[in-house]
Amino acid sequence: MKIQIPGREVLVVEHLVLDYNGTIAEDGHLLSSVPPLLEDLSTLFKIHVITADTFGSVERECVSLPVTVHTLESTDHSREKEEFVRSLLGAVVAFGNGANDKEMLRSSDLGIAVLGPEGCAVETLRSAQIVVPSIEKGLALLQKPDRLIATLRR
C-alpha cells in the first residue's frame, strides 16, 4: 500500500505487525470483529501477529487467518519485538498497546497505539504517530488511507 502524506516521504507499506493480547485479542481470545478485517487487509499486506502468548491460545485462535504468528522467546519482549520489526524488508505499520510495544511502534514506519479493552501504556502512546480508540478504528485507517493523510499531514 502506497501512502502519500503531504510534508512527509512516500510510504510503501508491505507489512502489518500486530500485538496480540490487548490489541487484537482480550484474555487470549481474538476479538470477533478482527478476522474479517484481517482477511480484507491480507490482500494489501503481509500480516504478522507477535505475542508472548500469555494464555497459550494464539495458534488456535489464528489458525484460519492469513497471518504469520511469531511467539516471543526471550525475556526482553520489548527488544525482541523491535528487532522483529527491524528485520522485515519493506515499510511496516505496527499496532500495540502494552509497555513492551513501545519500541516496536517507535521502530516501525507507522506506529499506532490502541486504546483497547486493556487500555494503553502511556510510554507506548508517546512512541506512536497515531492513537486510536479501538483496533477496528485503527484497521479502518488502512482500509481508507485518506484518513491517515488527514491525520498525519503537516
N, C-alpha and C. Protein backbone atom coordinates (compact mmCIF):
# COMPACT_ATOMS: atom_id res chain seq x y z
N MET A 1 0.84 -1.17 0.00
CA MET A 1 0.00 0.00 0.00
C MET A 1 0.88 1.24 0.00
N LYS A 2 0.60 2.13 -0.90
CA LYS A 2 1.35 3.38 -1.00
C LYS A 2 0.58 4.47 -0.27
N ILE A 3 1.28 5.16 0.63
CA ILE A 3 0.67 6.25 1.39
C ILE A 3 1.47 7.51 1.14
N GLN A 4 0.84 8.50 0.53
CA GLN A 4 1.47 9.78 0.22
C GLN A 4 0.90 10.83 1.18
N ILE A 5 1.70 11.21 2.17
CA ILE A 5 1.26 12.18 3.17
C ILE A 5 2.00 13.49 2.92
N PRO A 6 1.26 14.58 2.66
CA PRO A 6 1.92 15.87 2.41
C PRO A 6 2.88 16.24 3.54
N GLY A 7 4.08 16.68 3.15
CA GLY A 7 5.08 17.06 4.13
C GLY A 7 5.91 15.91 4.65
N ARG A 8 5.68 14.71 4.14
CA ARG A 8 6.43 13.51 4.57
C ARG A 8 6.81 12.71 3.33
N GLU A 9 7.75 11.79 3.51
CA GLU A 9 8.11 10.95 2.36
C GLU A 9 7.05 9.89 2.11
N VAL A 10 6.98 9.43 0.89
CA VAL A 10 6.01 8.41 0.50
C VAL A 10 6.34 7.10 1.22
N LEU A 11 5.31 6.46 1.76
CA LEU A 11 5.47 5.16 2.40
C LEU A 11 4.87 4.09 1.51
N VAL A 12 5.62 3.05 1.25
CA VAL A 12 5.09 1.88 0.56
C VAL A 12 5.11 0.75 1.59
N VAL A 13 3.97 0.58 2.25
CA VAL A 13 3.88 -0.35 3.38
C VAL A 13 3.64 -1.76 2.86
N GLU A 14 4.47 -2.68 3.33
CA GLU A 14 4.36 -4.08 2.94
C GLU A 14 3.93 -4.99 4.09
N HIS A 15 4.21 -4.55 5.33
CA HIS A 15 3.97 -5.41 6.49
C HIS A 15 3.05 -4.73 7.50
N LEU A 16 2.15 -5.53 8.04
CA LEU A 16 1.29 -5.13 9.14
C LEU A 16 1.65 -6.02 10.32
N VAL A 17 2.13 -5.42 11.41
CA VAL A 17 2.54 -6.16 12.60
C VAL A 17 1.58 -5.81 13.73
N LEU A 18 1.01 -6.84 14.33
CA LEU A 18 0.00 -6.66 15.37
C LEU A 18 0.40 -7.37 16.65
N ASP A 19 0.40 -6.64 17.75
CA ASP A 19 0.47 -7.27 19.06
C ASP A 19 -0.82 -8.07 19.22
N TYR A 20 -0.80 -9.07 20.06
CA TYR A 20 -1.98 -9.92 20.21
C TYR A 20 -2.85 -9.48 21.40
N ASN A 21 -2.50 -9.88 22.61
CA ASN A 21 -3.36 -9.58 23.76
C ASN A 21 -3.42 -8.08 24.04
N GLY A 22 -4.63 -7.58 24.17
CA GLY A 22 -4.86 -6.16 24.42
C GLY A 22 -4.98 -5.34 23.16
N THR A 23 -4.55 -5.91 22.03
CA THR A 23 -4.61 -5.18 20.76
C THR A 23 -5.66 -5.80 19.85
N ILE A 24 -5.48 -7.09 19.50
CA ILE A 24 -6.50 -7.77 18.67
C ILE A 24 -7.21 -8.88 19.43
N ALA A 25 -6.82 -9.07 20.68
CA ALA A 25 -7.43 -10.13 21.50
C ALA A 25 -7.62 -9.63 22.92
N GLU A 26 -8.53 -10.28 23.62
CA GLU A 26 -8.77 -9.99 25.03
C GLU A 26 -8.80 -11.32 25.78
N ASP A 27 -8.00 -11.42 26.83
CA ASP A 27 -7.92 -12.64 27.63
C ASP A 27 -7.61 -13.87 26.77
N GLY A 28 -6.77 -13.67 25.75
CA GLY A 28 -6.36 -14.78 24.89
C GLY A 28 -7.29 -15.11 23.75
N HIS A 29 -8.43 -14.43 23.68
CA HIS A 29 -9.41 -14.71 22.62
C HIS A 29 -9.46 -13.58 21.61
N LEU A 30 -9.32 -13.93 20.36
CA LEU A 30 -9.37 -12.96 19.28
C LEU A 30 -10.71 -12.23 19.32
N LEU A 31 -10.69 -10.91 19.19
CA LEU A 31 -11.93 -10.15 19.14
C LEU A 31 -12.70 -10.56 17.89
N SER A 32 -13.99 -10.76 18.00
CA SER A 32 -14.80 -11.28 16.89
C SER A 32 -14.82 -10.37 15.67
N SER A 33 -14.57 -9.10 15.87
CA SER A 33 -14.57 -8.14 14.76
C SER A 33 -13.29 -8.19 13.93
N VAL A 34 -12.25 -8.82 14.43
CA VAL A 34 -10.93 -8.75 13.80
C VAL A 34 -10.76 -9.66 12.58
N PRO A 35 -11.20 -10.93 12.59
CA PRO A 35 -10.94 -11.80 11.43
C PRO A 35 -11.37 -11.23 10.08
N PRO A 36 -12.58 -10.69 9.93
CA PRO A 36 -12.92 -10.16 8.60
C PRO A 36 -12.04 -8.98 8.19
N LEU A 37 -11.62 -8.19 9.15
CA LEU A 37 -10.73 -7.06 8.83
C LEU A 37 -9.38 -7.56 8.34
N LEU A 38 -8.85 -8.59 9.00
CA LEU A 38 -7.56 -9.14 8.58
C LEU A 38 -7.66 -9.84 7.23
N GLU A 39 -8.76 -10.52 6.99
CA GLU A 39 -8.98 -11.14 5.67
C GLU A 39 -8.91 -10.07 4.58
N ASP A 40 -9.59 -8.96 4.81
CA ASP A 40 -9.61 -7.87 3.85
C ASP A 40 -8.22 -7.27 3.65
N LEU A 41 -7.51 -7.01 4.74
CA LEU A 41 -6.20 -6.37 4.67
C LEU A 41 -5.10 -7.30 4.15
N SER A 42 -5.35 -8.60 4.17
CA SER A 42 -4.33 -9.55 3.71
C SER A 42 -4.06 -9.42 2.21
N THR A 43 -4.93 -8.74 1.50
CA THR A 43 -4.67 -8.50 0.07
C THR A 43 -3.69 -7.34 -0.12
N LEU A 44 -3.47 -6.57 0.94
CA LEU A 44 -2.59 -5.40 0.85
C LEU A 44 -1.26 -5.59 1.57
N PHE A 45 -1.25 -6.43 2.61
CA PHE A 45 -0.08 -6.55 3.48
C PHE A 45 0.23 -8.00 3.81
N LYS A 46 1.49 -8.24 4.17
CA LYS A 46 1.86 -9.47 4.86
C LYS A 46 1.57 -9.17 6.33
N ILE A 47 0.74 -10.00 6.95
CA ILE A 47 0.29 -9.72 8.31
C ILE A 47 1.00 -10.64 9.30
N HIS A 48 1.54 -10.02 10.35
CA HIS A 48 2.27 -10.74 11.39
C HIS A 48 1.62 -10.45 12.73
N VAL A 49 1.42 -11.49 13.52
CA VAL A 49 0.95 -11.35 14.90
C VAL A 49 2.12 -11.73 15.78
N ILE A 50 2.47 -10.83 16.70
CA ILE A 50 3.63 -11.07 17.57
C ILE A 50 3.16 -11.02 19.02
N THR A 51 3.56 -12.05 19.80
CA THR A 51 2.97 -12.20 21.12
C THR A 51 3.84 -13.04 22.05
N ALA A 52 3.67 -12.79 23.33
CA ALA A 52 4.25 -13.67 24.34
C ALA A 52 3.32 -14.86 24.57
N ASP A 53 2.12 -14.80 24.04
CA ASP A 53 1.10 -15.84 24.14
C ASP A 53 0.83 -16.23 25.59
N THR A 54 0.53 -15.24 26.38
CA THR A 54 0.27 -15.40 27.81
C THR A 54 -0.74 -16.50 28.11
N PHE A 55 -1.76 -16.62 27.28
CA PHE A 55 -2.84 -17.57 27.53
C PHE A 55 -2.68 -18.88 26.74
N GLY A 56 -1.60 -18.98 25.94
CA GLY A 56 -1.36 -20.20 25.17
C GLY A 56 -2.40 -20.47 24.10
N SER A 57 -3.00 -19.42 23.56
CA SER A 57 -4.13 -19.60 22.63
C SER A 57 -3.92 -19.05 21.23
N VAL A 58 -2.84 -18.34 21.00
CA VAL A 58 -2.72 -17.60 19.74
C VAL A 58 -2.75 -18.51 18.51
N GLU A 59 -2.08 -19.63 18.54
CA GLU A 59 -2.06 -20.52 17.37
C GLU A 59 -3.47 -21.02 17.06
N ARG A 60 -4.20 -21.42 18.07
CA ARG A 60 -5.57 -21.91 17.90
C ARG A 60 -6.49 -20.80 17.40
N GLU A 61 -6.36 -19.63 17.97
CA GLU A 61 -7.24 -18.51 17.62
C GLU A 61 -6.97 -17.98 16.20
N CYS A 62 -5.73 -18.11 15.74
CA CYS A 62 -5.36 -17.53 14.44
C CYS A 62 -5.21 -18.57 13.33
N VAL A 63 -5.53 -19.81 13.60
CA VAL A 63 -5.25 -20.90 12.66
C VAL A 63 -5.85 -20.68 11.27
N SER A 64 -7.01 -20.09 11.18
CA SER A 64 -7.65 -19.93 9.86
C SER A 64 -7.43 -18.55 9.26
N LEU A 65 -6.60 -17.75 9.89
CA LEU A 65 -6.38 -16.38 9.40
C LEU A 65 -5.15 -16.29 8.52
N PRO A 66 -5.12 -15.32 7.61
CA PRO A 66 -3.96 -15.13 6.73
C PRO A 66 -2.85 -14.35 7.43
N VAL A 67 -2.35 -14.92 8.53
CA VAL A 67 -1.31 -14.25 9.32
C VAL A 67 -0.19 -15.24 9.63
N THR A 68 0.97 -14.67 9.93
CA THR A 68 2.07 -15.46 10.45
C THR A 68 2.20 -15.11 11.92
N VAL A 69 2.22 -16.12 12.77
CA VAL A 69 2.32 -15.91 14.20
C VAL A 69 3.78 -16.03 14.63
N HIS A 70 4.23 -15.06 15.41
CA HIS A 70 5.59 -15.06 15.96
C HIS A 70 5.46 -15.02 17.48
N THR A 71 5.84 -16.11 18.13
CA THR A 71 5.77 -16.17 19.59
C THR A 71 7.13 -15.78 20.15
N LEU A 72 7.11 -14.84 21.06
CA LEU A 72 8.34 -14.32 21.65
C LEU A 72 9.01 -15.40 22.49
N GLU A 73 10.34 -15.39 22.45
CA GLU A 73 11.10 -16.42 23.14
C GLU A 73 12.01 -15.88 24.22
N SER A 74 12.40 -14.63 24.12
CA SER A 74 13.35 -14.08 25.08
C SER A 74 12.63 -13.55 26.32
N THR A 75 13.40 -13.07 27.27
CA THR A 75 12.81 -12.42 28.44
C THR A 75 12.66 -10.93 28.23
N ASP A 76 13.25 -10.40 27.15
CA ASP A 76 13.14 -8.97 26.84
C ASP A 76 12.21 -8.79 25.64
N HIS A 77 10.92 -8.83 25.90
CA HIS A 77 9.93 -8.78 24.82
C HIS A 77 9.97 -7.47 24.05
N SER A 78 10.24 -6.38 24.72
CA SER A 78 10.31 -5.09 24.05
C SER A 78 11.40 -5.10 22.98
N ARG A 79 12.57 -5.55 23.36
CA ARG A 79 13.69 -5.62 22.41
C ARG A 79 13.40 -6.62 21.29
N GLU A 80 12.81 -7.75 21.63
CA GLU A 80 12.53 -8.78 20.63
C GLU A 80 11.50 -8.29 19.61
N LYS A 81 10.49 -7.57 20.06
CA LYS A 81 9.50 -7.01 19.12
C LYS A 81 10.15 -5.96 18.22
N GLU A 82 10.99 -5.11 18.80
CA GLU A 82 11.69 -4.10 18.00
C GLU A 82 12.57 -4.77 16.95
N GLU A 83 13.33 -5.76 17.34
CA GLU A 83 14.21 -6.47 16.41
C GLU A 83 13.41 -7.16 15.30
N PHE A 84 12.26 -7.69 15.65
CA PHE A 84 11.42 -8.33 14.64
C PHE A 84 11.01 -7.31 13.58
N VAL A 85 10.53 -6.15 14.01
CA VAL A 85 10.11 -5.11 13.06
C VAL A 85 11.29 -4.68 12.19
N ARG A 86 12.45 -4.49 12.80
CA ARG A 86 13.63 -4.06 12.04
C ARG A 86 14.10 -5.13 11.05
N SER A 87 13.77 -6.39 11.30
CA SER A 87 14.21 -7.47 10.41
C SER A 87 13.38 -7.57 9.13
N LEU A 88 12.23 -6.96 9.12
CA LEU A 88 11.34 -7.06 7.95
C LEU A 88 11.83 -6.15 6.83
N LEU A 89 11.78 -6.66 5.61
CA LEU A 89 12.18 -5.86 4.46
C LEU A 89 10.95 -5.14 3.93
N GLY A 90 11.03 -3.84 3.83
CA GLY A 90 9.89 -3.04 3.41
C GLY A 90 9.30 -2.30 4.59
N ALA A 91 8.47 -1.32 4.29
CA ALA A 91 7.89 -0.48 5.34
C ALA A 91 6.89 -1.27 6.18
N VAL A 92 6.79 -0.87 7.45
CA VAL A 92 5.98 -1.58 8.44
C VAL A 92 5.03 -0.61 9.13
N VAL A 93 3.77 -1.04 9.24
CA VAL A 93 2.83 -0.37 10.15
C VAL A 93 2.59 -1.35 11.29
N ALA A 94 2.69 -0.85 12.54
CA ALA A 94 2.56 -1.71 13.71
C ALA A 94 1.51 -1.15 14.66
N PHE A 95 0.78 -2.07 15.29
CA PHE A 95 -0.23 -1.74 16.28
C PHE A 95 0.11 -2.41 17.60
N GLY A 96 -0.03 -1.67 18.69
CA GLY A 96 0.19 -2.25 20.00
C GLY A 96 -0.41 -1.40 21.10
N ASN A 97 -0.38 -1.93 22.31
CA ASN A 97 -0.94 -1.20 23.45
C ASN A 97 -0.10 -1.31 24.71
N GLY A 98 0.71 -2.34 24.83
CA GLY A 98 1.43 -2.58 26.07
C GLY A 98 2.78 -1.88 26.13
N ALA A 99 3.33 -1.82 27.33
CA ALA A 99 4.64 -1.20 27.52
C ALA A 99 5.70 -1.89 26.66
N ASN A 100 5.55 -3.20 26.45
CA ASN A 100 6.54 -3.90 25.62
C ASN A 100 6.34 -3.66 24.12
N ASP A 101 5.36 -2.85 23.76
CA ASP A 101 5.16 -2.47 22.35
C ASP A 101 5.80 -1.14 22.00
N LYS A 102 6.28 -0.43 23.00
CA LYS A 102 6.82 0.92 22.80
C LYS A 102 7.88 0.96 21.70
N GLU A 103 8.90 0.15 21.80
CA GLU A 103 10.00 0.18 20.82
C GLU A 103 9.56 -0.36 19.46
N MET A 104 8.62 -1.30 19.46
CA MET A 104 8.08 -1.80 18.19
C MET A 104 7.41 -0.67 17.42
N LEU A 105 6.60 0.13 18.11
CA LEU A 105 5.93 1.25 17.45
C LEU A 105 6.93 2.31 17.03
N ARG A 106 7.90 2.59 17.88
CA ARG A 106 8.91 3.61 17.57
C ARG A 106 9.75 3.22 16.34
N SER A 107 10.06 1.94 16.20
CA SER A 107 10.93 1.50 15.11
C SER A 107 10.18 1.21 13.81
N SER A 108 8.85 1.19 13.87
CA SER A 108 8.08 0.96 12.64
C SER A 108 7.96 2.26 11.85
N ASP A 109 7.58 2.13 10.60
CA ASP A 109 7.40 3.31 9.76
C ASP A 109 6.15 4.09 10.15
N LEU A 110 5.17 3.37 10.66
CA LEU A 110 3.95 3.99 11.17
C LEU A 110 3.50 3.19 12.38
N GLY A 111 3.62 3.79 13.56
CA GLY A 111 3.25 3.13 14.80
C GLY A 111 1.91 3.65 15.29
N ILE A 112 1.00 2.72 15.58
CA ILE A 112 -0.35 3.09 16.01
C ILE A 112 -0.64 2.44 17.36
N ALA A 113 -0.92 3.28 18.35
CA ALA A 113 -1.27 2.81 19.68
C ALA A 113 -2.77 2.60 19.77
N VAL A 114 -3.16 1.51 20.41
CA VAL A 114 -4.58 1.14 20.51
C VAL A 114 -5.04 1.25 21.96
N LEU A 115 -6.11 2.02 22.16
CA LEU A 115 -6.73 2.15 23.49
C LEU A 115 -7.83 1.10 23.61
N GLY A 116 -7.45 -0.15 23.56
CA GLY A 116 -8.42 -1.24 23.54
C GLY A 116 -8.93 -1.60 24.91
N PRO A 117 -9.41 -2.83 25.06
CA PRO A 117 -10.04 -3.27 26.31
C PRO A 117 -9.11 -3.23 27.52
N GLU A 118 -7.80 -3.31 27.29
CA GLU A 118 -6.84 -3.27 28.40
C GLU A 118 -6.26 -1.88 28.62
N GLY A 119 -6.68 -0.90 27.82
CA GLY A 119 -6.06 0.41 27.89
C GLY A 119 -4.75 0.41 27.12
N CYS A 120 -3.92 1.41 27.38
CA CYS A 120 -2.65 1.53 26.68
C CYS A 120 -1.62 2.16 27.60
N ALA A 121 -0.41 1.63 27.60
CA ALA A 121 0.68 2.18 28.42
C ALA A 121 1.03 3.58 27.91
N VAL A 122 1.20 4.51 28.81
CA VAL A 122 1.49 5.89 28.44
C VAL A 122 2.76 5.99 27.61
N GLU A 123 3.79 5.23 27.97
CA GLU A 123 5.04 5.28 27.21
C GLU A 123 4.84 4.79 25.77
N THR A 124 3.92 3.89 25.57
CA THR A 124 3.61 3.40 24.23
C THR A 124 2.85 4.47 23.45
N LEU A 125 1.93 5.15 24.10
CA LEU A 125 1.22 6.27 23.46
C LEU A 125 2.21 7.29 22.94
N ARG A 126 3.22 7.59 23.73
CA ARG A 126 4.21 8.61 23.35
C ARG A 126 5.10 8.16 22.19
N SER A 127 5.18 6.86 21.95
CA SER A 127 6.00 6.33 20.86
C SER A 127 5.25 6.24 19.54
N ALA A 128 3.95 6.39 19.57
CA ALA A 128 3.11 6.21 18.39
C ALA A 128 2.98 7.51 17.60
N GLN A 129 2.71 7.36 16.30
CA GLN A 129 2.38 8.51 15.47
C GLN A 129 0.89 8.80 15.51
N ILE A 130 0.09 7.76 15.78
CA ILE A 130 -1.36 7.88 15.85
C ILE A 130 -1.85 7.06 17.04
N VAL A 131 -2.91 7.55 17.68
CA VAL A 131 -3.59 6.80 18.74
C VAL A 131 -5.03 6.60 18.30
N VAL A 132 -5.52 5.37 18.42
CA VAL A 132 -6.90 5.06 18.02
C VAL A 132 -7.67 4.48 19.21
N PRO A 133 -9.00 4.65 19.22
CA PRO A 133 -9.79 4.16 20.34
C PRO A 133 -9.99 2.65 20.35
N SER A 134 -9.80 2.00 19.20
CA SER A 134 -10.01 0.55 19.12
C SER A 134 -9.24 0.01 17.92
N ILE A 135 -9.03 -1.30 17.92
CA ILE A 135 -8.36 -1.92 16.78
C ILE A 135 -9.19 -1.79 15.52
N GLU A 136 -10.51 -1.83 15.66
CA GLU A 136 -11.38 -1.70 14.49
C GLU A 136 -11.18 -0.34 13.82
N LYS A 137 -11.12 0.71 14.61
CA LYS A 137 -10.91 2.06 14.05
C LYS A 137 -9.51 2.17 13.47
N GLY A 138 -8.55 1.54 14.09
CA GLY A 138 -7.19 1.58 13.58
C GLY A 138 -7.03 0.87 12.25
N LEU A 139 -7.60 -0.34 12.14
CA LEU A 139 -7.50 -1.08 10.88
C LEU A 139 -8.30 -0.39 9.78
N ALA A 140 -9.35 0.32 10.16
CA ALA A 140 -10.12 1.08 9.17
C ALA A 140 -9.27 2.18 8.53
N LEU A 141 -8.28 2.69 9.26
CA LEU A 141 -7.37 3.68 8.67
C LEU A 141 -6.61 3.10 7.49
N LEU A 142 -6.32 1.80 7.56
CA LEU A 142 -5.59 1.15 6.46
C LEU A 142 -6.53 0.82 5.31
N GLN A 143 -7.80 0.61 5.61
CA GLN A 143 -8.78 0.36 4.55
C GLN A 143 -9.13 1.64 3.82
N LYS A 144 -9.04 2.76 4.51
CA LYS A 144 -9.36 4.08 3.93
C LYS A 144 -8.19 5.02 4.23
N PRO A 145 -7.09 4.89 3.48
CA PRO A 145 -5.86 5.61 3.82
C PRO A 145 -5.95 7.13 3.73
N ASP A 146 -6.99 7.67 3.12
CA ASP A 146 -7.13 9.13 3.13
C ASP A 146 -7.30 9.64 4.56
N ARG A 147 -7.80 8.80 5.44
CA ARG A 147 -7.92 9.17 6.85
C ARG A 147 -6.53 9.36 7.48
N LEU A 148 -5.58 8.53 7.06
CA LEU A 148 -4.21 8.68 7.55
C LEU A 148 -3.63 10.01 7.09
N ILE A 149 -3.90 10.35 5.85
CA ILE A 149 -3.40 11.60 5.29
C ILE A 149 -3.95 12.78 6.09
N ALA A 150 -5.23 12.76 6.37
CA ALA A 150 -5.86 13.85 7.12
C ALA A 150 -5.24 13.98 8.52
N THR A 151 -4.90 12.87 9.13
CA THR A 151 -4.35 12.89 10.49
C THR A 151 -2.88 13.29 10.52
N LEU A 152 -2.09 12.83 9.55
CA LEU A 152 -0.64 12.98 9.61
C LEU A 152 -0.05 14.14 8.79
N ARG A 153 -0.86 14.80 7.97
CA ARG A 153 -0.27 15.87 7.16
C ARG A 153 0.27 16.97 8.05
N ARG A 154 1.32 17.61 7.53
CA ARG A 154 1.95 18.72 8.28
C ARG A 154 1.61 20.03 7.64
